[in-house]
C-alpha atoms as a PDB file:
ATOM      1  CA  MET A   1     -97.247 -95.104 218.402  1.00  0.00           C
ATOM      2  CA  LEU A   2    -100.135 -93.039 219.364  1.00  0.00           C
ATOM      3  CA  GLU A   3    -103.026 -94.556 217.087  1.00  0.00           C
ATOM      4  CA  SER A   4    -101.329 -97.964 218.898  1.00  0.00           C
ATOM      5  CA  LEU A   5    -101.380 -96.350 222.256  1.00  0.00           C
ATOM      6  CA  THR A   6    -105.333 -95.148 221.509  1.00  0.00           C
ATOM      7  CA  LEU A   7    -106.038 -98.898 220.057  1.00  0.00           C
ATOM      8  CA  LEU A   8    -104.813-100.432 223.269  1.00  0.00           C
ATOM      9  CA  LEU A   9    -106.671 -97.666 225.516  1.00  0.00           C
ATOM     10  CA  ALA A  10    -109.960 -97.646 223.386  1.00  0.00           C
ATOM     11  CA  CYS A  11    -110.302-101.720 223.709  1.00  0.00           C
ATOM     12  CA  GLN A  12    -109.438-101.250 227.952  1.00  0.00           C
ATOM     13  CA  LEU A  13    -112.148 -98.678 227.997  1.00  0.00           C
ATOM     14  CA  VAL A  14    -114.967-101.206 225.753  1.00  0.00           C
ATOM     15  CA  GLY A  15    -113.216-104.165 228.559  1.00  0.00           C
ATOM     16  CA  GLU A  16    -114.540-101.873 231.188  1.00  0.00           C
ATOM     17  CA  VAL A  17    -117.629-100.771 230.170  1.00  0.00           C
ATOM     18  CA  ILE A  18    -118.590-104.251 229.516  1.00  0.00           C
ATOM     19  CA  VAL A  19    -117.845-105.851 232.822  1.00  0.00           C
ATOM     20  CA  ALA A  20    -119.659-102.491 234.533  1.00  0.00           C
ATOM     21  CA  TYR A  21    -122.705-102.868 232.433  1.00  0.00           C
ATOM     22  CA  PHE A  22    -122.854-106.516 232.604  1.00  0.00           C
ATOM     23  CA  ALA A  23    -121.614-106.796 236.095  1.00  0.00           C
ATOM     24  CA  ILE A  24    -118.897-109.935 234.925  1.00  0.00           C
ATOM     25  CA  PRO A  25    -116.582-111.097 237.986  1.00  0.00           C
ATOM     26  CA  VAL A  26    -113.623-110.485 235.799  1.00  0.00           C
ATOM     27  CA  PRO A  27    -110.991-107.268 235.292  1.00  0.00           C
ATOM     28  CA  GLY A  28    -111.710-104.839 232.293  1.00  0.00           C
ATOM     29  CA  PRO A  29    -108.533-104.962 231.199  1.00  0.00           C
ATOM     30  CA  VAL A  30    -108.558-108.674 230.463  1.00  0.00           C
ATOM     31  CA  VAL A  31    -111.580-108.204 228.646  1.00  0.00           C
ATOM     32  CA  GLY A  32    -111.028-105.406 226.466  1.00  0.00           C
ATOM     33  CA  MET A  33    -107.468-107.234 225.798  1.00  0.00           C
ATOM     34  CA  VAL A  34    -109.598-110.643 224.646  1.00  0.00           C
ATOM     35  CA  LEU A  35    -111.679-107.997 222.261  1.00  0.00           C
ATOM     36  CA  LEU A  36    -108.251-106.948 220.950  1.00  0.00           C
ATOM     37  CA  PHE A  37    -107.163-110.546 220.705  1.00  0.00           C
ATOM     38  CA  ILE A  38    -110.342-111.247 218.807  1.00  0.00           C
ATOM     39  CA  GLY A  39    -109.682-108.220 216.397  1.00  0.00           C
ATOM     40  CA  LEU A  40    -106.163-109.845 215.188  1.00  0.00           C
ATOM     41  CA  CYS A  41    -107.574-112.965 214.619  1.00  0.00           C
ATOM     42  CA  ILE A  42    -110.179-111.574 212.301  1.00  0.00           C
ATOM     43  CA  ARG A  43    -107.714-109.448 210.687  1.00  0.00           C
ATOM     44  CA  ARG A  44    -105.551-112.599 210.697  1.00  0.00           C
ATOM     45  CA  GLY A  45    -102.346-110.343 211.929  1.00  0.00           C
ATOM     46  CA  VAL A  46    -100.679-107.871 214.084  1.00  0.00           C
ATOM     47  CA  PRO A  47    -100.214-104.506 212.379  1.00  0.00           C
ATOM     48  CA  ALA A  48     -96.634-103.617 212.429  1.00  0.00           C
ATOM     49  CA  PRO A  49     -96.910-100.105 214.470  1.00  0.00           C
ATOM     50  CA  LEU A  50     -99.249-101.840 217.334  1.00  0.00           C
ATOM     51  CA  GLN A  51     -96.072-104.396 217.400  1.00  0.00           C
ATOM     52  CA  GLN A  52     -93.188-101.872 218.065  1.00  0.00           C
ATOM     53  CA  THR A  53     -95.787-100.293 220.315  1.00  0.00           C
ATOM     54  CA  ALA A  54     -96.583-103.899 222.324  1.00  0.00           C
ATOM     55  CA  SER A  55     -92.726-104.457 221.936  1.00  0.00           C
ATOM     56  CA  GLY A  56     -91.917-101.218 223.467  1.00  0.00           C
ATOM     57  CA  LEU A  57     -94.716-101.396 226.338  1.00  0.00           C
ATOM     58  CA  LEU A  58     -93.533-105.001 227.303  1.00  0.00           C
ATOM     59  CA  SER A  59     -89.633-104.199 227.244  1.00  0.00           C
ATOM     60  CA  ASN A  60     -90.793-101.393 229.687  1.00  0.00           C
ATOM     61  CA  LEU A  61     -92.780-103.761 231.902  1.00  0.00           C
ATOM     62  CA  SER A  62     -91.201-103.852 235.033  1.00  0.00           C
ATOM     63  CA  LEU A  63     -91.714 -99.981 235.068  1.00  0.00           C
ATOM     64  CA  LEU A  64     -95.160-100.783 235.903  1.00  0.00           C
ATOM     65  CA  PHE A  65     -94.834-102.805 239.127  1.00  0.00           C
ATOM     66  CA  VAL A  66     -93.167-100.440 240.782  1.00  0.00           C
ATOM     67  CA  PRO A  67     -96.572 -98.501 242.185  1.00  0.00           C
ATOM     68  CA  ALA A  68     -97.528-101.864 243.227  1.00  0.00           C
ATOM     69  CA  GLY A  69     -94.373-102.508 245.152  1.00  0.00           C
ATOM     70  CA  THR A  70     -94.706 -98.658 246.717  1.00  0.00           C
ATOM     71  CA  GLY A  71     -98.110 -99.678 248.197  1.00  0.00           C
ATOM     72  CA  VAL A  72     -97.075-103.111 249.627  1.00  0.00           C
ATOM     73  CA  LEU A  73     -94.071-101.474 250.879  1.00  0.00           C
ATOM     74  CA  LEU A  74     -96.460 -98.723 252.693  1.00  0.00           C
ATOM     75  CA  HIS A  75     -98.593-101.327 253.793  1.00  0.00           C
ATOM     76  CA  VAL A  76     -95.808-103.724 255.474  1.00  0.00           C
ATOM     77  CA  ALA A  77     -96.955-103.348 258.619  1.00  0.00           C
ATOM     78  CA  LEU A  78    -100.724-104.893 257.568  1.00  0.00           C
ATOM     79  CA  ILE A  79     -98.439-107.719 255.899  1.00  0.00           C
ATOM     80  CA  ARG A  80     -96.838-108.694 258.616  1.00  0.00           C
ATOM     81  CA  ASP A  81     -99.993-109.074 260.838  1.00  0.00           C
ATOM     82  CA  ALA A  82    -101.896-111.506 258.555  1.00  0.00           C
ATOM     83  CA  LEU A  83     -98.181-113.143 257.450  1.00  0.00           C
ATOM     84  CA  LEU A  84     -99.121-117.042 257.754  1.00  0.00           C
ATOM     85  CA  PRO A  85    -102.437-116.505 255.835  1.00  0.00           C
ATOM     86  CA  ILE A  86     -99.967-114.869 253.628  1.00  0.00           C
ATOM     87  CA  GLY A  87     -98.065-117.717 253.424  1.00  0.00           C
ATOM     88  CA  VAL A  88    -100.573-120.529 253.449  1.00  0.00           C
ATOM     89  CA  SER A  89    -102.318-119.349 250.934  1.00  0.00           C
ATOM     90  CA  LEU A  90     -98.829-118.839 248.682  1.00  0.00           C
ATOM     91  CA  VAL A  91     -98.142-122.192 249.107  1.00  0.00           C
ATOM     92  CA  LEU A  92    -101.739-123.862 248.561  1.00  0.00           C
ATOM     93  CA  SER A  93    -102.311-121.881 245.542  1.00  0.00           C
ATOM     94  CA  THR A  94     -98.533-123.000 244.187  1.00  0.00           C
ATOM     95  CA  LEU A  95     -98.983-126.436 244.765  1.00  0.00           C
ATOM     96  CA  VAL A  96    -102.568-126.415 243.439  1.00  0.00           C
ATOM     97  CA  ALA A  97    -101.597-124.308 240.120  1.00  0.00           C
ATOM     98  CA  VAL A  98     -99.214-127.154 240.079  1.00  0.00           C
ATOM     99  CA  ALA A  99    -100.641-129.934 240.155  1.00  0.00           C
ATOM    100  CA  VAL A 100    -103.851-129.036 237.479  1.00  0.00           C
ATOM    101  CA  THR A 101    -100.569-128.222 235.312  1.00  0.00           C
ATOM    102  CA  ALA A 102     -99.569-131.947 235.128  1.00  0.00           C
ATOM    103  CA  LEU A 103    -102.882-133.452 235.597  1.00  0.00           C
ATOM    104  CA  ALA A 104    -103.658-130.944 232.186  1.00  0.00           C
ATOM    105  CA  MET A 105    -100.551-132.221 230.556  1.00  0.00           C
ATOM    106  CA  VAL A 106    -101.250-135.910 231.387  1.00  0.00           C
ATOM    107  CA  GLY A 107    -104.860-135.034 229.703  1.00  0.00           C
ATOM    108  CA  PHE A 108    -103.622-133.008 226.799  1.00  0.00           C
ATOM    109  CA  GLU A 109    -101.106-135.945 226.604  1.00  0.00           C
ATOM    110  CA  LYS A 110    -103.724-139.147 226.175  1.00  0.00           C
ATOM    111  CA  LEU A 111    -105.452-136.976 223.690  1.00  0.00           C
ATOM    112  CA  ALA A 112    -102.907-136.536 221.851  1.00  0.00           C
ATOM    113  CA  GLY A 113    -102.754-140.575 221.788  1.00  0.00           C
ATOM    114  CA  ARG A 114     -99.224-140.503 223.503  1.00  0.00           C
ATOM    115  CA  LYS A 115     -97.920-141.914 226.822  1.00  0.00           C
ATOM    116  CA  GLY A 116     -95.960-139.757 229.206  1.00  0.00           C
ATOM    117  CA  GLY A 117     -92.373-139.404 228.249  1.00  0.00           C
ATOM    118  CA  ASP A 118     -92.625-139.980 224.744  1.00  0.00           C
ATOM    119  CA  ALA A 119     -90.755-137.685 222.478  1.00  0.00           C
ATOM    120  CA  PRO A 120     -92.974-135.925 220.048  1.00  0.00           C
END
Protein backbone atom coordinates (compact mmCIF):
# COMPACT_ATOMS: atom_id res chain seq x y z
CA MET A 1 0.00 0.00 0.00
CA LEU A 2 2.87 2.36 0.77
CA GLU A 3 4.29 1.95 -2.73
CA SER A 4 0.89 2.66 -4.30
CA LEU A 5 0.37 5.79 -2.19
CA THR A 6 3.88 6.91 -3.10
CA LEU A 7 3.07 6.42 -6.79
CA LEU A 8 -0.16 8.44 -6.48
CA LEU A 9 1.56 11.25 -4.59
CA ALA A 10 4.50 11.24 -7.02
CA CYS A 11 2.08 11.66 -9.94
CA GLN A 12 0.44 14.54 -8.10
CA LEU A 13 3.84 16.14 -7.42
CA VAL A 14 4.92 15.82 -11.05
CA GLY A 15 1.59 17.33 -12.09
CA GLU A 16 2.10 20.26 -9.70
CA VAL A 17 5.62 20.83 -11.04
CA ILE A 18 4.43 20.77 -14.66
CA VAL A 19 1.61 23.21 -13.89
CA ALA A 20 3.94 25.56 -12.03
CA TYR A 21 6.69 25.41 -14.67
CA PHE A 22 4.48 25.87 -17.73
CA ALA A 23 1.85 28.07 -16.00
CA ILE A 24 -0.97 25.79 -17.15
CA PRO A 25 -4.41 26.86 -15.85
CA VAL A 26 -5.27 23.33 -14.71
CA PRO A 27 -4.92 21.92 -11.18
CA GLY A 28 -1.72 19.96 -10.65
CA PRO A 29 -3.48 16.83 -9.37
CA VAL A 30 -5.51 16.69 -12.59
CA VAL A 31 -2.32 16.74 -14.68
CA GLY A 32 -0.84 14.11 -12.35
CA MET A 33 -3.83 11.82 -12.77
CA VAL A 34 -3.62 12.21 -16.56
CA LEU A 35 0.02 11.14 -16.33
CA LEU A 36 -0.98 8.18 -14.17
CA PHE A 37 -3.68 7.25 -16.69
CA ILE A 38 -1.18 7.39 -19.55
CA GLY A 39 1.23 5.23 -17.58
CA LEU A 40 -1.46 2.67 -16.85
CA CYS A 41 -2.50 2.65 -20.52
CA ILE A 42 1.09 1.99 -21.55
CA ARG A 43 1.30 -0.76 -18.93
CA ARG A 44 -2.06 -2.08 -20.18
CA GLY A 45 -3.57 -2.57 -16.76
CA VAL A 46 -3.72 -1.57 -13.13
CA PRO A 47 -1.44 -3.45 -10.73
CA ALA A 48 -3.33 -5.27 -8.00
CA PRO A 49 -1.77 -3.28 -5.11
CA LEU A 50 -2.67 0.02 -6.81
CA GLN A 51 -6.21 -1.25 -7.43
CA GLN A 52 -6.55 -2.20 -3.77
CA THR A 53 -5.21 1.16 -2.56
CA ALA A 54 -7.42 3.12 -4.95
CA SER A 55 -10.48 1.14 -3.83
CA GLY A 56 -9.66 1.90 -0.20
CA LEU A 57 -9.30 5.60 -0.94
CA LEU A 58 -12.53 5.71 -2.92
CA SER A 59 -14.48 3.91 -0.21
CA ASN A 60 -13.46 6.65 2.25
CA LEU A 61 -13.71 9.55 -0.19
CA SER A 62 -16.48 11.26 1.75
CA LEU A 63 -14.08 11.87 4.64
CA LEU A 64 -11.96 14.04 2.36
CA PHE A 65 -14.87 16.49 1.99
CA VAL A 66 -15.09 17.22 5.74
CA PRO A 67 -12.49 20.05 5.61
CA ALA A 68 -14.30 21.66 2.66
CA GLY A 69 -17.61 21.46 4.50
CA THR A 70 -16.03 22.99 7.58
CA GLY A 71 -14.67 25.84 5.48
CA VAL A 72 -18.14 26.51 4.10
CA LEU A 73 -19.56 26.69 7.62
CA LEU A 74 -16.81 29.07 8.70
CA HIS A 75 -17.70 31.47 5.88
CA VAL A 76 -21.48 31.25 6.07
CA ALA A 77 -21.76 35.04 6.44
CA LEU A 78 -19.93 35.59 3.15
CA ILE A 79 -22.11 33.01 1.46
CA ARG A 80 -25.25 34.67 2.83
CA ASP A 81 -24.13 38.01 1.39
CA ALA A 82 -23.60 36.47 -2.05
CA LEU A 83 -26.51 34.04 -1.96
CA LEU A 84 -28.26 35.38 -5.08
CA PRO A 85 -25.18 35.32 -7.37
CA ILE A 86 -24.22 31.88 -6.06
CA GLY A 87 -27.74 30.54 -6.59
CA VAL A 88 -28.02 31.98 -10.09
CA SER A 89 -24.58 30.60 -10.99
CA LEU A 90 -25.48 27.14 -9.74
CA VAL A 91 -28.79 27.03 -11.61
CA LEU A 92 -27.35 28.42 -14.86
CA SER A 93 -24.27 26.19 -14.79
CA THR A 94 -26.48 23.15 -14.18
CA LEU A 95 -28.75 24.05 -17.09
CA VAL A 96 -25.75 24.62 -19.38
CA ALA A 97 -24.22 21.28 -18.33
CA VAL A 98 -27.49 19.45 -19.04
CA ALA A 99 -27.85 21.16 -22.43
CA VAL A 100 -24.25 20.44 -23.46
CA THR A 101 -24.62 16.82 -22.38
CA ALA A 102 -27.83 16.44 -24.40
CA LEU A 103 -26.25 18.02 -27.48
CA ALA A 104 -23.19 15.81 -27.14
CA MET A 105 -25.39 12.72 -26.84
CA VAL A 106 -27.34 13.66 -29.96
CA GLY A 107 -24.09 14.35 -31.82
CA PHE A 108 -22.57 11.02 -30.79
CA GLU A 109 -25.72 9.18 -31.80
CA LYS A 110 -25.53 10.80 -35.25
CA LEU A 111 -21.86 9.80 -35.51
CA ALA A 112 -22.81 6.24 -34.61
CA GLY A 113 -25.44 6.25 -37.33
CA ARG A 114 -28.42 5.93 -35.03
CA LYS A 115 -31.48 8.09 -34.73
CA GLY A 116 -32.74 9.25 -31.34
CA GLY A 117 -34.79 6.62 -29.53
CA ASP A 118 -33.37 3.57 -31.34
CA ALA A 119 -32.23 0.74 -29.13
CA PRO A 120 -28.59 -0.33 -29.47
